């Protein structure tokens, strides 16, 4: 009977011998071959003879070795933003895959500061796209794995630019190693320092907002700027079917009421509020700070030129276009053929323009919202009608 090969994927924590579990050490001792990246091989060479490979080559290298039991060392814990799952999928058809857990940098950093992590939101930006702003806006504790372009200094600079420079950030650099560097300060102070590539951050925002709450008209400061009323706003945002990580535009953003509503739905994504009027831009910035929606970024200027500078959108709300609606929709489709768009129209002229623009999409729908609110006056309730509004949806068949 042919014995099945065994592949043990071992979480090596910070890569220090003393940080490995007893099970990990015992497994390394009995294996026929041990593979890892250069960094782990250098720090764990006292435990075994380790063959060095790039991360992308580990699975193929393990399969090429004619041995019964092979260990593959990976950093951190096998179940926490690890390459372990990818390795498992590549190896599972060729033998038995065993996962052996290890410490991760999140655990080690929180222990250094005596902070619990069961209520933290975890995000990895190590070599990945994404934004920290949404996570920090709606969670009191955020643990971030950094690396590549999304390094600790750049992330702190992002927090400062968004208006979160005063929040507390704890950083663990080379955590668990001999040259470990642990520090805690405001995002503003840490944005001026340089760090190594692999850093874990704990960002604490005691004033984090509640992303589950709808944005009410009463929550918004309006001034003399037009605002999409809450009934139409809630319907429009629901029509966009937003996902947590979506990149979203609010074109003709006005006070930013739709931006704030979308920001809470796309709570791990970014909302770009485009508006040509300076007064409106100032209101958007004021409202985003008051509501804690720091994943809303205002952009002043004409939409047709601004959107060329923005990342491709997943969804777009158009509340105003200054006569450029068809040009805007064509640009949106060119940036993302699967973009989802909702256009609001309160006049016949805008409705006609929106109907023409929406024909550029494969799927088209139109509804009218006519809300009536009851106002309590003494012992009676009187009803007042809001102006009707048309909402036009455009999207792809997929």
Foldseek 3Di string as FASTA:
>chain_A
DDAFAEEEEEACELLAPVQGDPVRLVLLQPFPAEEEAPVSCVRCVVSDNYDHDPPVCVLVVVVPDPGRYYYYYWYAFCVDPTCNVVSCVSCVVRGHYHYHTGHYPVVQLCVVVVHDPPQEAEDEPAVHDFAPQLRQQAGQKYKYWFADPRALLVNLVLCVVLPQQQWKKWKWASPPDPPIDTDMGGSVVSNVDDGDGTMMMITGDPPHAHLVDQQAPVLADAPPWDDDHRVVLVVQLVQQVDALAFEEEEAQCTLVNSVSNNCSRVSRYAYEYEHADPVSLVNVSVSCVSRSSSSYHYDHDQQLVVVVVDQQGQEYEYADHPPCLLSNLVVNCVRPVFHKYKYKDQDPVVVVVVVVNQVVAPDKDKDKDKDWDWDDDPPDTDIDIDRIMMIMIGGYPD
